[in-house]
Amino acid sequence: MVGELEKEMSELDFLNFLKRTMNSNGIRHSKFINKPIKKVAVLGGSGSFAIQNAINSGADIYVTSDIKYHEFYKAENKLIIADIGHYESEQFTKNLLVDILTKKFPNFAIILSNKNTNPIYYL
């Protein structure tokens, strides 16, 4: 998915916003390209296979997870790759599913779990 921010942000401000919004304990990223962030590409889960798609879209930053060391080089100063963590990139999907299921099946009780199933812990 690719979208544009209403107002561009500095690279550091965007990463800090992303960290807060996605409840991430840390973000690994490629080097800054000294360009404001306006166009954002996002792919939840393991998104290394779509780095070139993000570049081709003209995105300033690509937000995903599970990026391996050498894959960060694929940014080639064309965009920033931001790895926010696999769980962190998918954690809000359950909220969307509950909304959809509640509308599609109004006679069923849909309960949203509050359980955190992230197997990764941060020091």
PDB file of N, CA and C in Angstrom:
ATOM      1  N   MET A   1       0.848  -1.161   0.000  1.00  0.00           N
ATOM      2  CA  MET A   1       0.000   0.000   0.000  1.00  0.00           C
ATOM      3  C   MET A   1       0.897   1.229   0.000  1.00  0.00           C
ATOM      4  N   VAL A   2       0.519   2.201  -0.791  1.00  0.00           N
ATOM      5  CA  VAL A   2       1.275   3.443  -0.867  1.00  0.00           C
ATOM      6  C   VAL A   2       0.307   4.601  -0.651  1.00  0.00           C
ATOM      7  N   GLY A   3       0.729   5.538   0.178  1.00  0.00           N
ATOM      8  CA  GLY A   3      -0.099   6.714   0.428  1.00  0.00           C
ATOM      9  C   GLY A   3       0.770   7.919   0.699  1.00  0.00           C
ATOM     10  N   GLU A   4       0.115   9.054   0.815  1.00  0.00           N
ATOM     11  CA  GLU A   4       0.843  10.287   1.080  1.00  0.00           C
ATOM     12  C   GLU A   4       0.365  10.929   2.361  1.00  0.00           C
ATOM     13  N   LEU A   5       1.310  11.465   3.111  1.00  0.00           N
ATOM     14  CA  LEU A   5       0.991  12.211   4.320  1.00  0.00           C
ATOM     15  C   LEU A   5       0.352  13.538   3.925  1.00  0.00           C
ATOM     16  N   GLU A   6      -0.524  14.038   4.764  1.00  0.00           N
ATOM     17  CA  GLU A   6      -1.109  15.357   4.495  1.00  0.00           C
ATOM     18  C   GLU A   6      -0.032  16.429   4.512  1.00  0.00           C
ATOM     19  N   LYS A   7       0.902  16.281   5.442  1.00  0.00           N
ATOM     20  CA  LYS A   7       1.986  17.246   5.575  1.00  0.00           C
ATOM     21  C   LYS A   7       3.292  16.467   5.687  1.00  0.00           C
ATOM     22  N   GLU A   8       4.276  16.833   4.896  1.00  0.00           N
ATOM     23  CA  GLU A   8       5.554  16.118   4.948  1.00  0.00           C
ATOM     24  C   GLU A   8       6.216  16.298   6.316  1.00  0.00           C
ATOM     25  N   MET A   9       7.073  15.340   6.643  1.00  0.00           N
ATOM     26  CA  MET A   9       7.779  15.333   7.931  1.00  0.00           C
ATOM     27  C   MET A   9       9.259  15.089   7.674  1.00  0.00           C
ATOM     28  N   SER A  10      10.083  15.502   8.616  1.00  0.00           N
ATOM     29  CA  SER A  10      11.505  15.170   8.511  1.00  0.00           C
ATOM     30  C   SER A  10      11.652  13.664   8.716  1.00  0.00           C
ATOM     31  N   GLU A  11      12.746  13.124   8.283  1.00  0.00           N
ATOM     32  CA  GLU A  11      12.983  11.679   8.410  1.00  0.00           C
ATOM     33  C   GLU A  11      12.927  11.236   9.875  1.00  0.00           C
ATOM     34  N   LEU A  12      13.622  11.957  10.740  1.00  0.00           N
ATOM     35  CA  LEU A  12      13.654  11.594  12.157  1.00  0.00           C
ATOM     36  C   LEU A  12      12.280  11.749  12.800  1.00  0.00           C
ATOM     37  N   ASP A  13      11.576  12.831  12.496  1.00  0.00           N
ATOM     38  CA  ASP A  13      10.232  13.022  13.049  1.00  0.00           C
ATOM     39  C   ASP A  13       9.298  11.902  12.614  1.00  0.00           C
ATOM     40  N   PHE A  14       9.390  11.497  11.343  1.00  0.00           N
ATOM     41  CA  PHE A  14       8.523  10.425  10.865  1.00  0.00           C
ATOM     42  C   PHE A  14       8.837   9.114  11.583  1.00  0.00           C
ATOM     43  N   LEU A  15      10.117   8.779  11.719  1.00  0.00           N
ATOM     44  CA  LEU A  15      10.481   7.525  12.396  1.00  0.00           C
ATOM     45  C   LEU A  15      10.035   7.539  13.855  1.00  0.00           C
ATOM     46  N   ASN A  16      10.155   8.671  14.528  1.00  0.00           N
ATOM     47  CA  ASN A  16       9.684   8.760  15.919  1.00  0.00           C
ATOM     48  C   ASN A  16       8.169   8.641  15.985  1.00  0.00           C
ATOM     49  N   PHE A  17       7.462   9.261  15.048  1.00  0.00           N
ATOM     50  CA  PHE A  17       6.008   9.128  14.950  1.00  0.00           C
ATOM     51  C   PHE A  17       5.627   7.666  14.723  1.00  0.00           C
ATOM     52  N   LEU A  18       6.323   7.007  13.813  1.00  0.00           N
ATOM     53  CA  LEU A  18       6.073   5.605  13.496  1.00  0.00           C
ATOM     54  C   LEU A  18       6.303   4.724  14.723  1.00  0.00           C
ATOM     55  N   LYS A  19       7.383   4.981  15.429  1.00  0.00           N
ATOM     56  CA  LYS A  19       7.712   4.198  16.625  1.00  0.00           C
ATOM     57  C   LYS A  19       6.610   4.318  17.674  1.00  0.00           C
ATOM     58  N   ARG A  20       6.139   5.544  17.907  1.00  0.00           N
ATOM     59  CA  ARG A  20       5.067   5.769  18.888  1.00  0.00           C
ATOM     60  C   ARG A  20       3.757   5.132  18.427  1.00  0.00           C
ATOM     61  N   THR A  21       3.385   5.391  17.196  1.00  0.00           N
ATOM     62  CA  THR A  21       2.096   4.949  16.672  1.00  0.00           C
ATOM     63  C   THR A  21       1.990   3.429  16.605  1.00  0.00           C
ATOM     64  N   MET A  22       3.074   2.775  16.229  1.00  0.00           N
ATOM     65  CA  MET A  22       3.058   1.327  16.071  1.00  0.00           C
ATOM     66  C   MET A  22       3.524   0.582  17.318  1.00  0.00           C
ATOM     67  N   ASN A  23       3.723   1.298  18.411  1.00  0.00           N
ATOM     68  CA  ASN A  23       4.156   0.686  19.677  1.00  0.00           C
ATOM     69  C   ASN A  23       5.390  -0.182  19.479  1.00  0.00           C
ATOM     70  N   SER A  24       6.341   0.340  18.728  1.00  0.00           N
ATOM     71  CA  SER A  24       7.564  -0.400  18.445  1.00  0.00           C
ATOM     72  C   SER A  24       8.632  -0.061  19.473  1.00  0.00           C
ATOM     73  N   ASN A  25       9.353  -1.065  19.905  1.00  0.00           N
ATOM     74  CA  ASN A  25      10.438  -0.847  20.864  1.00  0.00           C
ATOM     75  C   ASN A  25      11.738  -0.446  20.183  1.00  0.00           C
ATOM     76  N   GLY A  26      11.720  -0.406  18.884  1.00  0.00           N
ATOM     77  CA  GLY A  26      12.897  -0.005  18.134  1.00  0.00           C
ATOM     78  C   GLY A  26      12.631  -0.149  16.649  1.00  0.00           C
ATOM     79  N   ILE A  27      13.251   0.715  15.867  1.00  0.00           N
ATOM     80  CA  ILE A  27      13.112   0.645  14.420  1.00  0.00           C
ATOM     81  C   ILE A  27      14.499   0.574  13.802  1.00  0.00           C
ATOM     82  N   ARG A  28      14.729  -0.467  13.026  1.00  0.00           N
ATOM     83  CA  ARG A  28      15.969  -0.550  12.248  1.00  0.00           C
ATOM     84  C   ARG A  28      15.686   0.131  10.920  1.00  0.00           C
ATOM     85  N   HIS A  29      16.620   0.908  10.435  1.00  0.00           N
ATOM     86  CA  HIS A  29      16.375   1.608   9.184  1.00  0.00           C
ATOM     87  C   HIS A  29      17.665   1.788   8.401  1.00  0.00           C
ATOM     88  N   SER A  30      17.504   1.983   7.089  1.00  0.00           N
ATOM     89  CA  SER A  30      18.646   2.300   6.238  1.00  0.00           C
ATOM     90  C   SER A  30      19.010   3.767   6.481  1.00  0.00           C
ATOM     91  N   LYS A  31      20.093   4.193   5.858  1.00  0.00           N
ATOM     92  CA  LYS A  31      20.557   5.557   6.133  1.00  0.00           C
ATOM     93  C   LYS A  31      19.584   6.590   5.581  1.00  0.00           C
ATOM     94  N   PHE A  32      19.579   7.736   6.245  1.00  0.00           N
ATOM     95  CA  PHE A  32      18.731   8.838   5.807  1.00  0.00           C
ATOM     96  C   PHE A  32      19.193   9.325   4.438  1.00  0.00           C
ATOM     97  N   ILE A  33      18.239   9.819   3.651  1.00  0.00           N
ATOM     98  CA  ILE A  33      18.561  10.320   2.317  1.00  0.00           C
ATOM     99  C   ILE A  33      18.423  11.843   2.240  1.00  0.00           C
ATOM    100  N   ASN A  34      18.243  12.454   3.414  1.00  0.00           N
ATOM    101  CA  ASN A  34      18.133  13.922   3.521  1.00  0.00           C
ATOM    102  C   ASN A  34      17.036  14.481   2.629  1.00  0.00           C
ATOM    103  N   LYS A  35      15.864  13.887   2.770  1.00  0.00           N
ATOM    104  CA  LYS A  35      14.697  14.289   1.992  1.00  0.00           C
ATOM    105  C   LYS A  35      13.479  14.180   2.906  1.00  0.00           C
ATOM    106  N   PRO A  36      12.582  15.149   2.877  1.00  0.00           N
ATOM    107  CA  PRO A  36      11.378  15.034   3.704  1.00  0.00           C
ATOM    108  C   PRO A  36      10.556  13.804   3.324  1.00  0.00           C
ATOM    109  N   ILE A  37       9.822  13.280   4.290  1.00  0.00           N
ATOM    110  CA  ILE A  37       8.955  12.123   4.064  1.00  0.00           C
ATOM    111  C   ILE A  37       7.563  12.629   3.711  1.00  0.00           C
ATOM    112  N   LYS A  38       7.088  12.251   2.549  1.00  0.00           N
ATOM    113  CA  LYS A  38       5.738  12.597   2.096  1.00  0.00           C
ATOM    114  C   LYS A  38       5.000  11.345   1.619  1.00  0.00           C
ATOM    115  N   LYS A  39       5.663  10.560   0.769  1.00  0.00           N
ATOM    116  CA  LYS A  39       5.052   9.356   0.206  1.00  0.00           C
ATOM    117  C   LYS A  39       5.571   8.135   0.961  1.00  0.00           C
ATOM    118  N   VAL A  40       4.632   7.317   1.471  1.00  0.00           N
ATOM    119  CA  VAL A  40       4.972   6.187   2.332  1.00  0.00           C
ATOM    120  C   VAL A  40       4.443   4.890   1.739  1.00  0.00           C
ATOM    121  N   ALA A  41       5.320   3.897   1.619  1.00  0.00           N
ATOM    122  CA  ALA A  41       4.921   2.552   1.200  1.00  0.00           C
ATOM    123  C   ALA A  41       4.920   1.660   2.439  1.00  0.00           C
ATOM    124  N   VAL A  42       3.912   0.801   2.562  1.00  0.00           N
ATOM    125  CA  VAL A  42       3.758  -0.045   3.755  1.00  0.00           C
ATOM    126  C   VAL A  42       3.406  -1.467   3.333  1.00  0.00           C
ATOM    127  N   LEU A  43       4.054  -2.442   3.971  1.00  0.00           N
ATOM    128  CA  LEU A  43       3.689  -3.840   3.792  1.00  0.00           C
ATOM    129  C   LEU A  43       3.900  -4.540   5.123  1.00  0.00           C
ATOM    130  N   GLY A  44       2.821  -5.006   5.748  1.00  0.00           N
ATOM    131  CA  GLY A  44       2.912  -5.706   7.013  1.00  0.00           C
ATOM    132  C   GLY A  44       3.568  -7.062   6.843  1.00  0.00           C
ATOM    133  N   GLY A  45       4.254  -7.508   7.896  1.00  0.00           N
ATOM    134  CA  GLY A  45       4.932  -8.796   7.852  1.00  0.00           C
ATOM    135  C   GLY A  45       6.254  -8.688   7.123  1.00  0.00           C
ATOM    136  N   SER A  46       6.722  -9.808   6.618  1.00  0.00           N
ATOM    137  CA  SER A  46       8.020  -9.865   5.937  1.00  0.00           C
ATOM    138  C   SER A  46       7.917  -9.227   4.558  1.00  0.00           C
ATOM    139  N   GLY A  47       8.536  -8.072   4.393  1.00  0.00           N
ATOM    140  CA  GLY A  47       8.344  -7.341   3.152  1.00  0.00           C
ATOM    141  C   GLY A  47       9.570  -7.120   2.299  1.00  0.00           C
ATOM    142  N   SER A  48      10.623  -7.886   2.520  1.00  0.00           N
ATOM    143  CA  SER A  48      11.844  -7.661   1.746  1.00  0.00           C
ATOM    144  C   SER A  48      11.636  -7.882   0.248  1.00  0.00           C
ATOM    145  N   PHE A  49      10.723  -8.783  -0.107  1.00  0.00           N
ATOM    146  CA  PHE A  49      10.492  -9.102  -1.520  1.00  0.00           C
ATOM    147  C   PHE A  49       9.910  -7.916  -2.294  1.00  0.00           C
ATOM    148  N   ALA A  50       9.404  -6.899  -1.594  1.00  0.00           N
ATOM    149  CA  ALA A  50       8.746  -5.783  -2.270  1.00  0.00           C
ATOM    150  C   ALA A  50       9.535  -4.471  -2.182  1.00  0.00           C
ATOM    151  N   ILE A  51      10.804  -4.550  -1.818  1.00  0.00           N
ATOM    152  CA  ILE A  51      11.618  -3.326  -1.735  1.00  0.00           C
ATOM    153  C   ILE A  51      11.638  -2.613  -3.084  1.00  0.00           C
ATOM    154  N   GLN A  52      11.863  -3.343  -4.158  1.00  0.00           N
ATOM    155  CA  GLN A  52      11.920  -2.711  -5.483  1.00  0.00           C
ATOM    156  C   GLN A  52      10.583  -2.085  -5.850  1.00  0.00           C
ATOM    157  N   ASN A  53       9.472  -2.717  -5.459  1.00  0.00           N
ATOM    158  CA  ASN A  53       8.153  -2.136  -5.721  1.00  0.00           C
ATOM    159  C   ASN A  53       8.001  -0.800  -5.009  1.00  0.00           C
ATOM    160  N   ALA A  54       8.497  -0.734  -3.774  1.00  0.00           N
ATOM    161  CA  ALA A  54       8.427   0.519  -3.018  1.00  0.00           C
ATOM    162  C   ALA A  54       9.256   1.603  -3.697  1.00  0.00           C
ATOM    163  N   ILE A  55      10.437   1.228  -4.170  1.00  0.00           N
ATOM    164  CA  ILE A  55      11.285   2.177  -4.894  1.00  0.00           C
ATOM    165  C   ILE A  55      10.571   2.638  -6.162  1.00  0.00           C
ATOM    166  N   ASN A  56      10.020   1.692  -6.918  1.00  0.00           N
ATOM    167  CA  ASN A  56       9.331   2.024  -8.174  1.00  0.00           C
ATOM    168  C   ASN A  56       8.109   2.915  -7.958  1.00  0.00           C
ATOM    169  N   SER A  57       7.508   2.840  -6.772  1.00  0.00           N
ATOM    170  CA  SER A  57       6.326   3.656  -6.477  1.00  0.00           C
ATOM    171  C   SER A  57       6.686   5.115  -6.214  1.00  0.00           C
ATOM    172  N   GLY A  58       7.981   5.372  -6.019  1.00  0.00           N
ATOM    173  CA  GLY A  58       8.412   6.732  -5.716  1.00  0.00           C
ATOM    174  C   GLY A  58       8.295   7.084  -4.251  1.00  0.00           C
ATOM    175  N   ALA A  59       8.122   6.061  -3.394  1.00  0.00           N
ATOM    176  CA  ALA A  59       7.995   6.307  -1.961  1.00  0.00           C
ATOM    177  C   ALA A  59       9.286   6.885  -1.385  1.00  0.00           C
ATOM    178  N   ASP A  60       9.122   7.707  -0.364  1.00  0.00           N
ATOM    179  CA  ASP A  60      10.267   8.257   0.364  1.00  0.00           C
ATOM    180  C   ASP A  60      10.743   7.293   1.437  1.00  0.00           C
ATOM    181  N   ILE A  61       9.812   6.469   1.928  1.00  0.00           N
ATOM    182  CA  ILE A  61      10.134   5.496   2.977  1.00  0.00           C
ATOM    183  C   ILE A  61       9.281   4.250   2.763  1.00  0.00           C
ATOM    184  N   TYR A  62       9.853   3.104   3.116  1.00  0.00           N
ATOM    185  CA  TYR A  62       9.157   1.822   3.013  1.00  0.00           C
ATOM    186  C   TYR A  62       9.114   1.223   4.405  1.00  0.00           C
ATOM    187  N   VAL A  63       7.920   1.044   4.950  1.00  0.00           N
ATOM    188  CA  VAL A  63       7.714   0.520   6.291  1.00  0.00           C
ATOM    189  C   VAL A  63       7.296  -0.935   6.190  1.00  0.00           C
ATOM    190  N   THR A  64       8.081  -1.825   6.795  1.00  0.00           N
ATOM    191  CA  THR A  64       7.816  -3.257   6.732  1.00  0.00           C
ATOM    192  C   THR A  64       8.556  -3.932   7.877  1.00  0.00           C
ATOM    193  N   SER A  65       8.890  -5.223   7.704  1.00  0.00           N
ATOM    194  CA  SER A  65       9.652  -5.922   8.749  1.00  0.00           C
ATOM    195  C   SER A  65      10.465  -7.070   8.160  1.00  0.00           C
ATOM    196  N   ASP A  66      11.245  -7.663   9.020  1.00  0.00           N
ATOM    197  CA  ASP A  66      12.062  -8.842   8.705  1.00  0.00           C
ATOM    198  C   ASP A  66      13.064  -8.595   7.584  1.00  0.00           C
ATOM    199  N   ILE A  67      13.642  -7.420   7.555  1.00  0.00           N
ATOM    200  CA  ILE A  67      14.653  -7.083   6.560  1.00  0.00           C
ATOM    201  C   ILE A  67      15.998  -7.639   7.026  1.00  0.00           C
ATOM    202  N   LYS A  68      16.656  -8.390   6.152  1.00  0.00           N
ATOM    203  CA  LYS A  68      17.979  -8.924   6.464  1.00  0.00           C
ATOM    204  C   LYS A  68      19.040  -7.858   6.205  1.00  0.00           C
ATOM    205  N   TYR A  69      20.193  -8.062   6.783  1.00  0.00           N
ATOM    206  CA  TYR A  69      21.307  -7.109   6.718  1.00  0.00           C
ATOM    207  C   TYR A  69      21.561  -6.582   5.305  1.00  0.00           C
ATOM    208  N   HIS A  70      21.830  -7.471   4.364  1.00  0.00           N
ATOM    209  CA  HIS A  70      22.194  -7.048   3.015  1.00  0.00           C
ATOM    210  C   HIS A  70      21.032  -6.416   2.241  1.00  0.00           C
ATOM    211  N   GLU A  71      19.807  -6.705   2.667  1.00  0.00           N
ATOM    212  CA  GLU A  71      18.650  -6.135   1.986  1.00  0.00           C
ATOM    213  C   GLU A  71      18.528  -4.629   2.214  1.00  0.00           C
ATOM    214  N   PHE A  72      19.114  -4.130   3.307  1.00  0.00           N
ATOM    215  CA  PHE A  72      19.079  -2.683   3.548  1.00  0.00           C
ATOM    216  C   PHE A  72      19.837  -1.930   2.451  1.00  0.00           C
ATOM    217  N   TYR A  73      20.813  -2.577   1.831  1.00  0.00           N
ATOM    218  CA  TYR A  73      21.558  -1.945   0.737  1.00  0.00           C
ATOM    219  C   TYR A  73      20.681  -1.686  -0.486  1.00  0.00           C
ATOM    220  N   LYS A  74      19.597  -2.420  -0.613  1.00  0.00           N
ATOM    221  CA  LYS A  74      18.703  -2.259  -1.763  1.00  0.00           C
ATOM    222  C   LYS A  74      18.031  -0.884  -1.785  1.00  0.00           C
ATOM    223  N   ALA A  75      18.073  -0.168  -0.677  1.00  0.00           N
ATOM    224  CA  ALA A  75      17.502   1.182  -0.642  1.00  0.00           C
ATOM    225  C   ALA A  75      18.242   2.104  -1.600  1.00  0.00           C
ATOM    226  N   GLU A  76      19.531   1.891  -1.774  1.00  0.00           N
ATOM    227  CA  GLU A  76      20.373   2.607  -2.736  1.00  0.00           C
ATOM    228  C   GLU A  76      20.162   4.118  -2.743  1.00  0.00           C
ATOM    229  N   ASN A  77      19.978   4.702  -1.572  1.00  0.00           N
ATOM    230  CA  ASN A  77      19.769   6.146  -1.436  1.00  0.00           C
ATOM    231  C   ASN A  77      18.539   6.655  -2.193  1.00  0.00           C
ATOM    232  N   LYS A  78      17.616   5.748  -2.517  1.00  0.00           N
ATOM    233  CA  LYS A  78      16.390   6.141  -3.218  1.00  0.00           C
ATOM    234  C   LYS A  78      15.227   6.317  -2.250  1.00  0.00           C
ATOM    235  N   LEU A  79      15.273   5.593  -1.142  1.00  0.00           N
ATOM    236  CA  LEU A  79      14.274   5.699  -0.096  1.00  0.00           C
ATOM    237  C   LEU A  79      14.870   5.156   1.191  1.00  0.00           C
ATOM    238  N   ILE A  80      14.151   5.319   2.280  1.00  0.00           N
ATOM    239  CA  ILE A  80      14.558   4.742   3.561  1.00  0.00           C
ATOM    240  C   ILE A  80      13.755   3.461   3.752  1.00  0.00           C
ATOM    241  N   ILE A  81      14.421   2.410   4.168  1.00  0.00           N
ATOM    242  CA  ILE A  81      13.741   1.175   4.558  1.00  0.00           C
ATOM    243  C   ILE A  81      13.641   1.201   6.075  1.00  0.00           C
ATOM    244  N   ALA A  82      12.422   1.048   6.601  1.00  0.00           N
ATOM    245  CA  ALA A  82      12.188   1.043   8.045  1.00  0.00           C
ATOM    246  C   ALA A  82      11.608  -0.303   8.457  1.00  0.00           C
ATOM    247  N   ASP A  83      12.354  -1.040   9.258  1.00  0.00           N
ATOM    248  CA  ASP A  83      11.925  -2.344   9.769  1.00  0.00           C
ATOM    249  C   ASP A  83      11.414  -2.137  11.188  1.00  0.00           C
ATOM    250  N   ILE A  84      10.085  -2.185  11.349  1.00  0.00           N
ATOM    251  CA  ILE A  84       9.493  -1.890  12.652  1.00  0.00           C
ATOM    252  C   ILE A  84       9.236  -3.143  13.492  1.00  0.00           C
ATOM    253  N   GLY A  85       9.479  -4.318  12.944  1.00  0.00           N
ATOM    254  CA  GLY A  85       9.210  -5.571  13.646  1.00  0.00           C
ATOM    255  C   GLY A  85       7.985  -6.255  13.067  1.00  0.00           C
ATOM    256  N   HIS A  86       8.043  -7.567  12.956  1.00  0.00           N
ATOM    257  CA  HIS A  86       6.969  -8.341  12.330  1.00  0.00           C
ATOM    258  C   HIS A  86       5.646  -8.175  13.082  1.00  0.00           C
ATOM    259  N   TYR A  87       5.664  -8.472  14.378  1.00  0.00           N
ATOM    260  CA  TYR A  87       4.436  -8.342  15.177  1.00  0.00           C
ATOM    261  C   TYR A  87       3.904  -6.917  15.129  1.00  0.00           C
ATOM    262  N   GLU A  88       4.817  -5.962  15.285  1.00  0.00           N
ATOM    263  CA  GLU A  88       4.418  -4.558  15.312  1.00  0.00           C
ATOM    264  C   GLU A  88       3.754  -4.132  14.010  1.00  0.00           C
ATOM    265  N   SER A  89       4.188  -4.709  12.890  1.00  0.00           N
ATOM    266  CA  SER A  89       3.623  -4.331  11.594  1.00  0.00           C
ATOM    267  C   SER A  89       2.246  -4.944  11.347  1.00  0.00           C
ATOM    268  N   GLU A  90       1.882  -5.958  12.121  1.00  0.00           N
ATOM    269  CA  GLU A  90       0.608  -6.647  11.906  1.00  0.00           C
ATOM    270  C   GLU A  90      -0.369  -6.549  13.074  1.00  0.00           C
ATOM    271  N   GLN A  91       0.044  -5.971  14.181  1.00  0.00           N
ATOM    272  CA  GLN A  91      -0.730  -6.033  15.419  1.00  0.00           C
ATOM    273  C   GLN A  91      -2.126  -5.423  15.352  1.00  0.00           C
ATOM    274  N   PHE A  92      -2.354  -4.467  14.470  1.00  0.00           N
ATOM    275  CA  PHE A  92      -3.660  -3.808  14.409  1.00  0.00           C
ATOM    276  C   PHE A  92      -4.603  -4.465  13.408  1.00  0.00           C
ATOM    277  N   THR A  93      -4.123  -5.492  12.726  1.00  0.00           N
ATOM    278  CA  THR A  93      -4.959  -6.206  11.753  1.00  0.00           C
ATOM    279  C   THR A  93      -6.172  -6.820  12.435  1.00  0.00           C
ATOM    280  N   LYS A  94      -6.001  -7.305  13.652  1.00  0.00           N
ATOM    281  CA  LYS A  94      -7.123  -7.941  14.352  1.00  0.00           C
ATOM    282  C   LYS A  94      -8.269  -6.952  14.573  1.00  0.00           C
ATOM    283  N   ASN A  95      -7.951  -5.681  14.776  1.00  0.00           N
ATOM    284  CA  ASN A  95      -8.998  -4.673  14.949  1.00  0.00           C
ATOM    285  C   ASN A  95      -9.813  -4.527  13.663  1.00  0.00           C
ATOM    286  N   LEU A  96      -9.118  -4.523  12.531  1.00  0.00           N
ATOM    287  CA  LEU A  96      -9.813  -4.425  11.242  1.00  0.00           C
ATOM    288  C   LEU A  96     -10.702  -5.639  11.002  1.00  0.00           C
ATOM    289  N   LEU A  97     -10.185  -6.827  11.358  1.00  0.00           N
ATOM    290  CA  LEU A  97     -10.970  -8.053  11.175  1.00  0.00           C
ATOM    291  C   LEU A  97     -12.223  -8.054  12.048  1.00  0.00           C
ATOM    292  N   VAL A  98     -12.099  -7.589  13.277  1.00  0.00           N
ATOM    293  CA  VAL A  98     -13.259  -7.519  14.169  1.00  0.00           C
ATOM    294  C   VAL A  98     -14.311  -6.585  13.582  1.00  0.00           C
ATOM    295  N   ASP A  99     -13.887  -5.446  13.060  1.00  0.00           N
ATOM    296  CA  ASP A  99     -14.833  -4.503  12.439  1.00  0.00           C
ATOM    297  C   ASP A  99     -15.556  -5.141  11.263  1.00  0.00           C
ATOM    298  N   ILE A 100     -14.817  -5.818  10.413  1.00  0.00           N
ATOM    299  CA  ILE A 100     -15.410  -6.465   9.235  1.00  0.00           C
ATOM    300  C   ILE A 100     -16.370  -7.577   9.651  1.00  0.00           C
ATOM    301  N   LEU A 101     -15.916  -8.444  10.557  1.00  0.00           N
ATOM    302  CA  LEU A 101     -16.751  -9.572  10.986  1.00  0.00           C
ATOM    303  C   LEU A 101     -18.009  -9.112  11.719  1.00  0.00           C
ATOM    304  N   THR A 102     -17.893  -8.067  12.512  1.00  0.00           N
ATOM    305  CA  THR A 102     -19.045  -7.544  13.248  1.00  0.00           C
ATOM    306  C   THR A 102     -20.101  -7.025  12.284  1.00  0.00           C
ATOM    307  N   LYS A 103     -19.674  -6.390  11.202  1.00  0.00           N
ATOM    308  CA  LYS A 103     -20.614  -5.870  10.207  1.00  0.00           C
ATOM    309  C   LYS A 103     -21.214  -6.989   9.366  1.00  0.00           C
ATOM    310  N   LYS A 104     -20.402  -7.989   9.017  1.00  0.00           N
ATOM    311  CA  LYS A 104     -20.870  -9.087   8.158  1.00  0.00           C
ATOM    312  C   LYS A 104     -21.750 -10.080   8.910  1.00  0.00           C
ATOM    313  N   PHE A 105     -21.469 -10.269  10.205  1.00  0.00           N
ATOM    314  CA  PHE A 105     -22.197 -11.252  11.013  1.00  0.00           C
ATOM    315  C   PHE A 105     -22.722 -10.596  12.288  1.00  0.00           C
ATOM    316  N   PRO A 106     -23.727  -9.741  12.165  1.00  0.00           N
ATOM    317  CA  PRO A 106     -24.212  -8.987  13.324  1.00  0.00           C
ATOM    318  C   PRO A 106     -24.846  -9.863  14.415  1.00  0.00           C
ATOM    319  N   ASN A 107     -25.204 -11.101  14.105  1.00  0.00           N
ATOM    320  CA  ASN A 107     -25.829 -11.986  15.096  1.00  0.00           C
ATOM    321  C   ASN A 107     -24.815 -12.794  15.900  1.00  0.00           C
ATOM    322  N   PHE A 108     -23.533 -12.627  15.613  1.00  0.00           N
ATOM    323  CA  PHE A 108     -22.505 -13.359  16.329  1.00  0.00           C
ATOM    324  C   PHE A 108     -21.753 -12.411  17.260  1.00  0.00           C
ATOM    325  N   ALA A 109     -21.356 -12.941  18.390  1.00  0.00           N
ATOM    326  CA  ALA A 109     -20.552 -12.150  19.332  1.00  0.00           C
ATOM    327  C   ALA A 109     -19.084 -12.265  18.913  1.00  0.00           C
ATOM    328  N   ILE A 110     -18.503 -11.170  18.563  1.00  0.00           N
ATOM    329  CA  ILE A 110     -17.090 -11.136  18.175  1.00  0.00           C
ATOM    330  C   ILE A 110     -16.326 -10.494  19.324  1.00  0.00           C
ATOM    331  N   ILE A 111     -15.327 -11.204  19.804  1.00  0.00           N
ATOM    332  CA  ILE A 111     -14.549 -10.703  20.942  1.00  0.00           C
ATOM    333  C   ILE A 111     -13.117 -10.445  20.488  1.00  0.00           C
ATOM    334  N   LEU A 112     -12.645  -9.255  20.752  1.00  0.00           N
ATOM    335  CA  LEU A 112     -11.285  -8.865  20.400  1.00  0.00           C
ATOM    336  C   LEU A 112     -10.347  -9.235  21.542  1.00  0.00           C
ATOM    337  N   SER A 113      -9.393 -10.075  21.250  1.00  0.00           N
ATOM    338  CA  SER A 113      -8.424 -10.499  22.261  1.00  0.00           C
ATOM    339  C   SER A 113      -7.435  -9.364  22.556  1.00  0.00           C
ATOM    340  N   ASN A 114      -7.064  -9.238  23.792  1.00  0.00           N
ATOM    341  CA  ASN A 114      -6.047  -8.268  24.199  1.00  0.00           C
ATOM    342  C   ASN A 114      -4.700  -8.936  24.419  1.00  0.00           C
ATOM    343  N   LYS A 115      -4.624 -10.235  24.113  1.00  0.00           N
ATOM    344  CA  LYS A 115      -3.405 -10.995  24.351  1.00  0.00           C
ATOM    345  C   LYS A 115      -2.312 -10.614  23.361  1.00  0.00           C
ATOM    346  N   ASN A 116      -1.135 -10.371  23.863  1.00  0.00           N
ATOM    347  CA  ASN A 116       0.036 -10.076  23.037  1.00  0.00           C
ATOM    348  C   ASN A 116       0.725 -11.406  22.734  1.00  0.00           C
ATOM    349  N   THR A 117       0.810 -11.752  21.458  1.00  0.00           N
ATOM    350  CA  THR A 117       1.418 -13.024  21.060  1.00  0.00           C
ATOM    351  C   THR A 117       2.813 -12.843  20.462  1.00  0.00           C
ATOM    352  N   ASN A 118       3.399 -11.680  20.659  1.00  0.00           N
ATOM    353  CA  ASN A 118       4.730 -11.425  20.118  1.00  0.00           C
ATOM    354  C   ASN A 118       5.762 -12.286  20.831  1.00  0.00           C
ATOM    355  N   PRO A 119       6.480 -13.160  20.124  1.00  0.00           N
ATOM    356  CA  PRO A 119       7.484 -14.009  20.756  1.00  0.00           C
ATOM    357  C   PRO A 119       8.821 -13.294  20.953  1.00  0.00           C
ATOM    358  N   ILE A 120       8.910 -12.033  20.504  1.00  0.00           N
ATOM    359  CA  ILE A 120      10.177 -11.297  20.582  1.00  0.00           C
ATOM    360  C   ILE A 120      10.097 -10.282  21.709  1.00  0.00           C
ATOM    361  N   TYR A 121      11.141 -10.261  22.534  1.00  0.00           N
ATOM    362  CA  TYR A 121      11.240  -9.323  23.647  1.00  0.00           C
ATOM    363  C   TYR A 121      12.463  -8.442  23.435  1.00  0.00           C
ATOM    364  N   TYR A 122      12.415  -7.245  23.971  1.00  0.00           N
ATOM    365  CA  TYR A 122      13.501  -6.278  23.814  1.00  0.00           C
ATOM    366  C   TYR A 122      14.084  -5.932  25.167  1.00  0.00           C
ATOM    367  N   LEU A 123      15.363  -5.785  25.192  1.00  0.00           N
ATOM    368  CA  LEU A 123      16.073  -5.422  26.428  1.00  0.00           C
ATOM    369  C   LEU A 123      16.043  -3.923  26.571  1.00  0.00           C
TER     370      LEU A 123
END
